[in-house]
Amino acid sequence: MATSIENDPIWKQIDSASYLFLSRLFEPRDNSLTIILEEAIANKAKSGPRELPGDITLEDSCPIEPTSDCRVFTLHWKNYVSYCVMEEMVGSCGQYGDEKYTGRLLRLYSKSHFLEFVAKNTGAHFEEYRHYKISCLNHIIDIVATSIPELQSLTREEAGLIEEAAKHWHQ
């Protein structure tokens, strides 16, 4: 099921990240979707014991978080059919053995429950649906679109400008 998008160097960078955080998701115009992702790492610079609720102490742990050395990415769909954002803890359950996909953190599905749901509940699309899933530490995002996303690797400054502009689009 490999397509040209899975061979894109930025796709491979996103999928090879240790962890991802959803930084921002917004619609720059109707039926258009932009997602900003931050790579995250186990930040060894902040290693040490951590106190958790219930008098639990984790020795020599470190937070998983974006650092100034981590990459920032955008995925942009000019049009989408549907998308769903779930809090990561509740989105990780269920029976998914019958689904087919390629990728790890950034997946492209050829068969999925979400794809079936969208196909049953929409119409008037003459192009093939594609289901993308992004598995972040804070959210799981499912996107169904008829086109592939535009991918970019950004500096933190460029990502900040996009986020700042997004605040003003919907005021």
N, C-alpha and C. Protein backbone atom coordinates (compact mmCIF):
# COMPACT_ATOMS: atom_id res chain seq x y z
N MET A 1 0.81 -1.19 0.00
CA MET A 1 0.00 0.00 0.00
C MET A 1 0.85 1.26 0.00
N ALA A 2 2.15 1.13 -0.16
CA ALA A 2 3.02 2.29 -0.14
C ALA A 2 2.63 3.27 -1.24
N THR A 3 2.56 4.52 -0.88
CA THR A 3 2.27 5.58 -1.83
C THR A 3 3.43 6.56 -1.81
N SER A 4 3.40 7.51 -2.70
CA SER A 4 4.50 8.46 -2.76
C SER A 4 4.63 9.27 -1.47
N ILE A 5 3.54 9.53 -0.76
CA ILE A 5 3.61 10.33 0.47
C ILE A 5 4.46 9.62 1.53
N GLU A 6 4.40 8.31 1.59
CA GLU A 6 5.18 7.57 2.58
C GLU A 6 6.67 7.57 2.28
N ASN A 7 7.04 7.92 1.06
CA ASN A 7 8.44 8.03 0.68
C ASN A 7 8.97 9.45 0.84
N ASP A 8 8.11 10.38 1.19
CA ASP A 8 8.52 11.77 1.39
C ASP A 8 9.48 11.84 2.58
N PRO A 9 10.60 12.52 2.45
CA PRO A 9 11.57 12.60 3.55
C PRO A 9 10.98 13.19 4.83
N ILE A 10 10.08 14.16 4.71
CA ILE A 10 9.48 14.75 5.91
C ILE A 10 8.53 13.76 6.57
N TRP A 11 7.77 13.00 5.78
CA TRP A 11 6.92 11.94 6.35
C TRP A 11 7.78 10.99 7.18
N LYS A 12 8.91 10.59 6.60
CA LYS A 12 9.81 9.67 7.30
C LYS A 12 10.38 10.29 8.57
N GLN A 13 10.68 11.58 8.54
CA GLN A 13 11.17 12.25 9.75
C GLN A 13 10.11 12.25 10.84
N ILE A 14 8.89 12.57 10.47
CA ILE A 14 7.79 12.59 11.45
C ILE A 14 7.61 11.20 12.04
N ASP A 15 7.54 10.20 11.18
CA ASP A 15 7.28 8.83 11.64
C ASP A 15 8.43 8.25 12.44
N SER A 16 9.64 8.77 12.26
CA SER A 16 10.80 8.24 12.98
C SER A 16 11.05 8.95 14.31
N ALA A 17 10.27 9.98 14.62
CA ALA A 17 10.45 10.68 15.90
C ALA A 17 10.23 9.71 17.05
N SER A 18 10.90 9.95 18.15
CA SER A 18 10.67 9.12 19.34
C SER A 18 9.26 9.33 19.85
N TYR A 19 8.85 10.59 19.93
CA TYR A 19 7.52 10.95 20.40
C TYR A 19 7.06 12.20 19.66
N LEU A 20 5.74 12.41 19.64
CA LEU A 20 5.16 13.62 19.05
C LEU A 20 4.19 14.25 20.03
N PHE A 21 4.11 15.58 19.99
CA PHE A 21 3.08 16.33 20.70
C PHE A 21 2.28 17.12 19.68
N LEU A 22 0.98 17.14 19.85
CA LEU A 22 0.15 18.03 19.05
C LEU A 22 0.31 19.42 19.64
N SER A 23 0.83 20.34 18.85
CA SER A 23 1.00 21.71 19.30
C SER A 23 -0.24 22.54 18.98
N ARG A 24 -0.75 22.40 17.74
CA ARG A 24 -1.93 23.17 17.34
C ARG A 24 -2.60 22.48 16.17
N LEU A 25 -3.91 22.56 16.15
CA LEU A 25 -4.73 22.07 15.04
C LEU A 25 -5.73 23.18 14.75
N PHE A 26 -5.83 23.58 13.49
CA PHE A 26 -6.76 24.65 13.16
C PHE A 26 -7.18 24.55 11.70
N GLU A 27 -8.28 25.23 11.39
CA GLU A 27 -8.78 25.31 10.03
C GLU A 27 -8.52 26.72 9.50
N PRO A 28 -7.50 26.88 8.64
CA PRO A 28 -7.21 28.22 8.12
C PRO A 28 -8.34 28.77 7.24
N ARG A 29 -9.15 27.89 6.68
CA ARG A 29 -10.37 28.27 5.97
C ARG A 29 -11.30 27.07 6.07
N ASP A 30 -12.55 27.22 5.68
CA ASP A 30 -13.51 26.12 5.77
C ASP A 30 -12.98 24.87 5.06
N ASN A 31 -13.12 23.73 5.72
CA ASN A 31 -12.77 22.42 5.18
C ASN A 31 -11.30 22.27 4.81
N SER A 32 -10.46 23.06 5.42
CA SER A 32 -9.02 22.98 5.26
C SER A 32 -8.44 22.75 6.65
N LEU A 33 -7.40 21.94 6.77
CA LEU A 33 -6.90 21.55 8.09
C LEU A 33 -5.38 21.67 8.13
N THR A 34 -4.88 22.31 9.19
CA THR A 34 -3.44 22.40 9.43
C THR A 34 -3.15 21.87 10.82
N ILE A 35 -2.14 21.02 10.90
CA ILE A 35 -1.72 20.44 12.18
C ILE A 35 -0.24 20.76 12.37
N ILE A 36 0.09 21.29 13.55
CA ILE A 36 1.49 21.54 13.90
C ILE A 36 1.88 20.52 14.96
N LEU A 37 2.93 19.77 14.67
CA LEU A 37 3.44 18.74 15.57
C LEU A 37 4.83 19.12 16.05
N GLU A 38 5.11 18.81 17.29
CA GLU A 38 6.45 18.98 17.84
C GLU A 38 7.01 17.61 18.18
N GLU A 39 8.23 17.38 17.76
CA GLU A 39 8.94 16.19 18.19
C GLU A 39 9.22 16.34 19.69
N ALA A 40 9.25 15.23 20.41
CA ALA A 40 9.58 15.25 21.84
C ALA A 40 10.59 14.14 22.13
N ILE A 41 11.36 14.35 23.18
CA ILE A 41 12.37 13.37 23.57
C ILE A 41 12.33 13.19 25.08
N ALA A 42 12.95 12.12 25.55
CA ALA A 42 13.18 11.95 26.98
C ALA A 42 14.28 12.94 27.34
N ASN A 43 13.93 13.98 28.06
CA ASN A 43 14.85 15.08 28.34
C ASN A 43 15.75 14.73 29.51
N LYS A 44 16.90 14.12 29.21
CA LYS A 44 17.86 13.65 30.22
C LYS A 44 18.43 14.81 31.04
N ALA A 45 18.40 16.02 30.48
CA ALA A 45 18.90 17.19 31.22
C ALA A 45 18.07 17.45 32.48
N LYS A 46 16.86 16.93 32.52
CA LYS A 46 15.98 17.11 33.69
C LYS A 46 15.80 15.81 34.47
N SER A 47 16.78 14.91 34.40
CA SER A 47 16.71 13.62 35.11
C SER A 47 16.69 13.83 36.61
N GLY A 48 16.04 12.92 37.28
CA GLY A 48 15.99 12.95 38.74
C GLY A 48 14.76 12.23 39.24
N PRO A 49 14.64 12.13 40.55
CA PRO A 49 13.45 11.48 41.12
C PRO A 49 12.20 12.33 40.89
N ARG A 50 11.07 11.69 40.68
CA ARG A 50 9.79 12.36 40.49
C ARG A 50 8.79 11.82 41.50
N GLU A 51 8.12 12.74 42.16
CA GLU A 51 7.06 12.39 43.11
C GLU A 51 5.73 12.33 42.37
N LEU A 52 5.03 11.22 42.51
CA LEU A 52 3.71 11.06 41.90
C LEU A 52 2.66 10.97 43.00
N PRO A 53 1.40 11.21 42.66
CA PRO A 53 0.33 11.06 43.66
C PRO A 53 0.35 9.65 44.25
N GLY A 54 -0.05 9.53 45.50
CA GLY A 54 -0.09 8.23 46.16
C GLY A 54 1.25 7.84 46.76
N ASP A 55 2.08 8.84 47.06
CA ASP A 55 3.40 8.60 47.66
C ASP A 55 4.26 7.66 46.84
N ILE A 56 4.22 7.82 45.53
CA ILE A 56 5.05 7.01 44.63
C ILE A 56 6.20 7.89 44.15
N THR A 57 7.40 7.35 44.21
CA THR A 57 8.58 8.06 43.72
C THR A 57 9.21 7.26 42.60
N LEU A 58 9.41 7.91 41.48
CA LEU A 58 10.15 7.31 40.37
C LEU A 58 11.58 7.79 40.43
N GLU A 59 12.51 6.89 40.61
CA GLU A 59 13.91 7.26 40.68
C GLU A 59 14.46 7.44 39.27
N ASP A 60 15.32 8.40 39.11
CA ASP A 60 16.03 8.66 37.86
C ASP A 60 15.10 8.66 36.64
N SER A 61 14.05 9.44 36.72
CA SER A 61 13.15 9.58 35.56
C SER A 61 13.39 10.94 34.93
N CYS A 62 12.84 11.11 33.75
CA CYS A 62 12.96 12.41 33.07
C CYS A 62 11.69 12.64 32.27
N PRO A 63 11.33 13.91 32.10
CA PRO A 63 10.13 14.21 31.34
C PRO A 63 10.32 13.96 29.85
N ILE A 64 9.24 13.61 29.20
CA ILE A 64 9.23 13.52 27.74
C ILE A 64 8.59 14.81 27.26
N GLU A 65 9.39 15.60 26.53
CA GLU A 65 8.92 16.93 26.15
C GLU A 65 9.70 17.45 24.95
N PRO A 66 9.12 18.42 24.25
CA PRO A 66 9.87 19.08 23.19
C PRO A 66 11.00 19.92 23.80
N THR A 67 12.13 19.94 23.16
CA THR A 67 13.24 20.80 23.57
C THR A 67 13.60 21.70 22.39
N SER A 68 14.51 22.62 22.61
CA SER A 68 14.90 23.53 21.54
C SER A 68 15.57 22.80 20.38
N ASP A 69 16.08 21.60 20.63
CA ASP A 69 16.71 20.81 19.57
C ASP A 69 15.72 19.96 18.77
N CYS A 70 14.50 19.87 19.23
CA CYS A 70 13.50 19.02 18.58
C CYS A 70 12.94 19.70 17.33
N ARG A 71 12.49 18.88 16.40
CA ARG A 71 11.95 19.36 15.14
C ARG A 71 10.47 19.73 15.29
N VAL A 72 10.00 20.59 14.39
CA VAL A 72 8.59 20.99 14.33
C VAL A 72 8.12 20.72 12.90
N PHE A 73 6.90 20.18 12.78
CA PHE A 73 6.37 19.82 11.47
C PHE A 73 4.95 20.36 11.31
N THR A 74 4.58 20.62 10.06
CA THR A 74 3.19 20.90 9.75
C THR A 74 2.69 19.90 8.72
N LEU A 75 1.43 19.56 8.87
CA LEU A 75 0.70 18.78 7.87
C LEU A 75 -0.50 19.64 7.51
N HIS A 76 -0.71 19.84 6.22
CA HIS A 76 -1.81 20.69 5.78
C HIS A 76 -2.60 19.98 4.68
N TRP A 77 -3.90 19.87 4.91
CA TRP A 77 -4.82 19.34 3.89
C TRP A 77 -5.62 20.52 3.35
N LYS A 78 -5.58 20.71 2.02
CA LYS A 78 -6.37 21.77 1.41
C LYS A 78 -7.86 21.51 1.61
N ASN A 79 -8.23 20.23 1.63
CA ASN A 79 -9.60 19.80 1.90
C ASN A 79 -9.55 18.51 2.70
N TYR A 80 -10.53 18.32 3.55
CA TYR A 80 -10.65 17.06 4.28
C TYR A 80 -12.09 16.61 4.23
N VAL A 81 -12.32 15.35 4.49
CA VAL A 81 -13.67 14.81 4.57
C VAL A 81 -14.13 14.82 6.03
N SER A 82 -13.25 14.36 6.93
CA SER A 82 -13.58 14.30 8.35
C SER A 82 -12.31 14.22 9.17
N TYR A 83 -12.38 14.71 10.39
CA TYR A 83 -11.28 14.46 11.33
C TYR A 83 -11.83 14.34 12.74
N CYS A 84 -11.08 13.65 13.56
CA CYS A 84 -11.48 13.39 14.95
C CYS A 84 -10.23 13.51 15.82
N VAL A 85 -10.35 14.23 16.92
CA VAL A 85 -9.25 14.38 17.86
C VAL A 85 -9.70 13.76 19.18
N MET A 86 -8.89 12.82 19.67
CA MET A 86 -9.20 12.17 20.95
C MET A 86 -8.07 12.39 21.93
N GLU A 87 -8.43 12.51 23.19
CA GLU A 87 -7.44 12.54 24.26
C GLU A 87 -6.74 11.20 24.24
N GLU A 88 -5.44 11.19 24.31
CA GLU A 88 -4.64 9.98 24.08
C GLU A 88 -5.02 8.82 24.99
N MET A 89 -5.30 9.08 26.24
CA MET A 89 -5.58 7.98 27.18
C MET A 89 -6.85 7.21 26.82
N VAL A 90 -7.87 7.87 26.30
CA VAL A 90 -9.10 7.16 25.96
C VAL A 90 -9.10 6.64 24.53
N GLY A 91 -8.17 7.13 23.71
CA GLY A 91 -8.12 6.71 22.32
C GLY A 91 -7.26 5.50 22.07
N SER A 92 -6.71 4.92 23.10
CA SER A 92 -5.78 3.80 22.92
C SER A 92 -6.40 2.45 23.22
N CYS A 93 -7.69 2.38 23.30
CA CYS A 93 -8.35 1.12 23.66
C CYS A 93 -9.14 0.59 22.46
N GLY A 94 -9.58 -0.66 22.57
CA GLY A 94 -10.42 -1.23 21.52
C GLY A 94 -9.73 -2.36 20.78
N GLN A 95 -10.47 -2.95 19.87
CA GLN A 95 -9.99 -4.06 19.06
C GLN A 95 -9.65 -3.56 17.66
N TYR A 96 -8.38 -3.61 17.31
CA TYR A 96 -7.95 -3.05 16.04
C TYR A 96 -7.17 -4.05 15.19
N GLY A 97 -7.24 -5.33 15.52
CA GLY A 97 -6.48 -6.35 14.80
C GLY A 97 -6.85 -6.49 13.34
N ASP A 98 -8.06 -6.07 12.97
CA ASP A 98 -8.49 -6.21 11.58
C ASP A 98 -8.14 -4.99 10.72
N GLU A 99 -7.53 -3.97 11.31
CA GLU A 99 -7.16 -2.79 10.55
C GLU A 99 -5.81 -3.01 9.86
N LYS A 100 -5.62 -2.32 8.74
CA LYS A 100 -4.38 -2.44 7.97
C LYS A 100 -3.80 -1.05 7.73
N TYR A 101 -2.53 -0.90 8.09
CA TYR A 101 -1.88 0.39 7.93
C TYR A 101 -0.38 0.22 7.78
N THR A 102 0.25 1.29 7.33
CA THR A 102 1.70 1.39 7.32
C THR A 102 2.06 2.60 8.18
N GLY A 103 3.26 2.59 8.73
CA GLY A 103 3.72 3.68 9.57
C GLY A 103 3.63 3.33 11.04
N ARG A 104 4.17 4.23 11.87
CA ARG A 104 4.21 4.02 13.30
C ARG A 104 3.48 5.15 14.02
N LEU A 105 4.08 6.33 14.12
CA LEU A 105 3.41 7.48 14.72
C LEU A 105 2.53 8.21 13.72
N LEU A 106 2.92 8.15 12.48
CA LEU A 106 2.15 8.73 11.37
C LEU A 106 1.76 7.57 10.47
N ARG A 107 0.49 7.26 10.46
CA ARG A 107 0.01 6.06 9.76
C ARG A 107 -0.89 6.42 8.58
N LEU A 108 -0.83 5.54 7.59
CA LEU A 108 -1.76 5.60 6.47
C LEU A 108 -2.47 4.26 6.43
N TYR A 109 -3.80 4.29 6.53
CA TYR A 109 -4.61 3.08 6.61
C TYR A 109 -5.18 2.71 5.25
N SER A 110 -5.21 1.42 4.97
CA SER A 110 -5.96 0.92 3.83
C SER A 110 -7.29 0.34 4.30
N LYS A 111 -7.36 -0.02 5.59
CA LYS A 111 -8.60 -0.52 6.19
C LYS A 111 -8.62 -0.09 7.65
N SER A 112 -9.72 0.56 8.06
CA SER A 112 -9.84 0.99 9.45
C SER A 112 -11.31 1.18 9.82
N HIS A 113 -11.56 1.16 11.10
CA HIS A 113 -12.92 1.40 11.59
C HIS A 113 -13.35 2.83 11.30
N PHE A 114 -12.43 3.78 11.44
CA PHE A 114 -12.76 5.18 11.16
C PHE A 114 -13.07 5.39 9.68
N LEU A 115 -12.31 4.76 8.81
CA LEU A 115 -12.55 4.85 7.37
C LEU A 115 -13.93 4.27 7.03
N GLU A 116 -14.29 3.15 7.64
CA GLU A 116 -15.61 2.56 7.42
C GLU A 116 -16.72 3.48 7.92
N PHE A 117 -16.51 4.08 9.10
CA PHE A 117 -17.49 5.00 9.66
C PHE A 117 -17.73 6.18 8.71
N VAL A 118 -16.64 6.77 8.23
CA VAL A 118 -16.75 7.93 7.34
C VAL A 118 -17.42 7.53 6.03
N ALA A 119 -17.05 6.39 5.48
CA ALA A 119 -17.65 5.94 4.21
C ALA A 119 -19.15 5.73 4.35
N LYS A 120 -19.59 5.22 5.50
CA LYS A 120 -21.02 4.97 5.73
C LYS A 120 -21.81 6.26 5.97
N ASN A 121 -21.12 7.31 6.40
CA ASN A 121 -21.82 8.52 6.82
C ASN A 121 -21.59 9.73 5.92
N THR A 122 -20.98 9.52 4.78
CA THR A 122 -20.77 10.62 3.84
C THR A 122 -21.13 10.16 2.44
N GLY A 123 -21.18 11.10 1.54
CA GLY A 123 -21.46 10.78 0.15
C GLY A 123 -20.91 11.88 -0.73
N ALA A 124 -21.14 11.78 -2.00
CA ALA A 124 -20.75 12.79 -2.99
C ALA A 124 -19.25 12.94 -3.14
N HIS A 125 -18.49 11.93 -2.74
CA HIS A 125 -17.04 11.96 -2.97
C HIS A 125 -16.73 10.92 -4.05
N PHE A 126 -16.08 11.37 -5.09
CA PHE A 126 -15.79 10.49 -6.21
C PHE A 126 -14.34 10.02 -6.20
N GLU A 127 -13.54 10.60 -5.31
CA GLU A 127 -12.15 10.18 -5.18
C GLU A 127 -12.01 9.22 -4.01
N GLU A 128 -10.94 8.46 -4.02
CA GLU A 128 -10.69 7.50 -2.96
C GLU A 128 -10.39 8.24 -1.64
N TYR A 129 -10.97 7.74 -0.55
CA TYR A 129 -10.68 8.26 0.78
C TYR A 129 -9.34 7.72 1.25
N ARG A 130 -8.59 8.54 1.96
CA ARG A 130 -7.37 8.10 2.63
C ARG A 130 -7.51 8.42 4.11
N HIS A 131 -7.13 7.48 4.95
CA HIS A 131 -7.21 7.67 6.40
C HIS A 131 -5.79 7.80 6.95
N TYR A 132 -5.54 8.93 7.61
CA TYR A 132 -4.27 9.19 8.27
C TYR A 132 -4.52 9.22 9.77
N LYS A 133 -3.59 8.67 10.53
CA LYS A 133 -3.66 8.76 11.99
C LYS A 133 -2.32 9.26 12.49
N ILE A 134 -2.38 10.21 13.42
CA ILE A 134 -1.19 10.74 14.05
C ILE A 134 -1.29 10.40 15.54
N SER A 135 -0.33 9.63 16.03
CA SER A 135 -0.32 9.22 17.44
C SER A 135 0.64 10.10 18.22
N CYS A 136 0.07 11.02 18.97
CA CYS A 136 0.86 11.94 19.79
C CYS A 136 0.73 11.52 21.25
N LEU A 137 1.60 12.07 22.09
CA LEU A 137 1.53 11.78 23.51
C LEU A 137 0.31 12.41 24.17
N ASN A 138 -0.22 13.47 23.60
CA ASN A 138 -1.34 14.16 24.21
C ASN A 138 -2.67 13.98 23.47
N HIS A 139 -2.63 13.56 22.22
CA HIS A 139 -3.86 13.36 21.45
C HIS A 139 -3.62 12.32 20.35
N ILE A 140 -4.71 11.73 19.89
CA ILE A 140 -4.68 10.89 18.70
C ILE A 140 -5.59 11.56 17.69
N ILE A 141 -5.07 11.76 16.49
CA ILE A 141 -5.82 12.50 15.47
C ILE A 141 -6.05 11.60 14.27
N ASP A 142 -7.30 11.45 13.88
CA ASP A 142 -7.68 10.70 12.68
C ASP A 142 -8.17 11.70 11.65
N ILE A 143 -7.65 11.60 10.44
CA ILE A 143 -8.04 12.48 9.35
C ILE A 143 -8.39 11.62 8.14
N VAL A 144 -9.54 11.88 7.54
CA VAL A 144 -9.89 11.25 6.27
C VAL A 144 -9.96 12.35 5.24
N ALA A 145 -9.24 12.15 4.14
CA ALA A 145 -9.18 13.14 3.07
C ALA A 145 -9.07 12.41 1.74
N THR A 146 -9.38 13.12 0.68
CA THR A 146 -9.23 12.55 -0.66
C THR A 146 -7.89 12.92 -1.28
N SER A 147 -7.14 13.78 -0.60
CA SER A 147 -5.83 14.18 -1.11
C SER A 147 -4.78 13.98 -0.03
N ILE A 148 -3.52 13.99 -0.45
CA ILE A 148 -2.44 13.82 0.50
C ILE A 148 -2.11 15.17 1.13
N PRO A 149 -1.57 15.18 2.35
CA PRO A 149 -1.24 16.45 2.99
C PRO A 149 0.05 17.05 2.43
N GLU A 150 0.14 18.36 2.54
CA GLU A 150 1.40 19.05 2.29
C GLU A 150 2.19 18.97 3.59
N LEU A 151 3.45 18.59 3.51
CA LEU A 151 4.29 18.41 4.69
C LEU A 151 5.40 19.45 4.70
N GLN A 152 5.71 19.96 5.89
CA GLN A 152 6.82 20.90 6.05
C GLN A 152 7.54 20.62 7.35
N SER A 153 8.84 20.81 7.33
CA SER A 153 9.66 20.83 8.53
C SER A 153 9.97 22.30 8.79
N LEU A 154 9.69 22.77 10.00
CA LEU A 154 9.82 24.19 10.30
C LEU A 154 10.83 24.44 11.41
N THR A 155 11.34 25.66 11.45
CA THR A 155 12.08 26.10 12.63
C THR A 155 11.04 26.46 13.69
N ARG A 156 11.46 26.59 14.92
CA ARG A 156 10.55 26.99 15.99
C ARG A 156 9.99 28.40 15.72
N GLU A 157 10.81 29.25 15.14
CA GLU A 157 10.37 30.62 14.83
C GLU A 157 9.27 30.60 13.77
N GLU A 158 9.45 29.80 12.72
CA GLU A 158 8.43 29.69 11.67
C GLU A 158 7.13 29.13 12.23
N ALA A 159 7.23 28.12 13.08
CA ALA A 159 6.03 27.53 13.69
C ALA A 159 5.33 28.57 14.56
N GLY A 160 6.08 29.38 15.28
CA GLY A 160 5.50 30.43 16.12
C GLY A 160 4.74 31.45 15.29
N LEU A 161 5.26 31.80 14.14
CA LEU A 161 4.57 32.75 13.25
C LEU A 161 3.26 32.17 12.75
N ILE A 162 3.25 30.90 12.38
CA ILE A 162 2.02 30.26 11.91
C ILE A 162 0.98 30.23 13.04
N GLU A 163 1.43 29.87 14.25
CA GLU A 163 0.50 29.83 15.38
C GLU A 163 -0.05 31.21 15.70
N GLU A 164 0.79 32.21 15.63
CA GLU A 164 0.35 33.58 15.89
C GLU A 164 -0.67 34.01 14.84
N ALA A 165 -0.43 33.71 13.58
CA ALA A 165 -1.37 34.04 12.52
C ALA A 165 -2.69 33.30 12.71
N ALA A 166 -2.63 32.04 13.14
CA ALA A 166 -3.84 31.25 13.35
C ALA A 166 -4.74 31.85 14.41
N LYS A 167 -4.18 32.50 15.41
CA LYS A 167 -4.98 33.13 16.46
C LYS A 167 -5.87 34.23 15.88
N HIS A 168 -5.38 34.89 14.84
CA HIS A 168 -6.11 36.02 14.28
C HIS A 168 -7.12 35.63 13.20
N TRP A 169 -7.00 34.42 12.64
CA TRP A 169 -7.89 33.99 11.56
C TRP A 169 -9.32 33.83 12.03
N HIS A 170 -9.52 33.44 13.27
CA HIS A 170 -10.87 33.13 13.74
C HIS A 170 -11.35 34.10 14.79
N GLN A 171 -10.87 35.33 14.75
CA GLN A 171 -11.34 36.32 15.72
C GLN A 171 -12.49 37.11 15.16
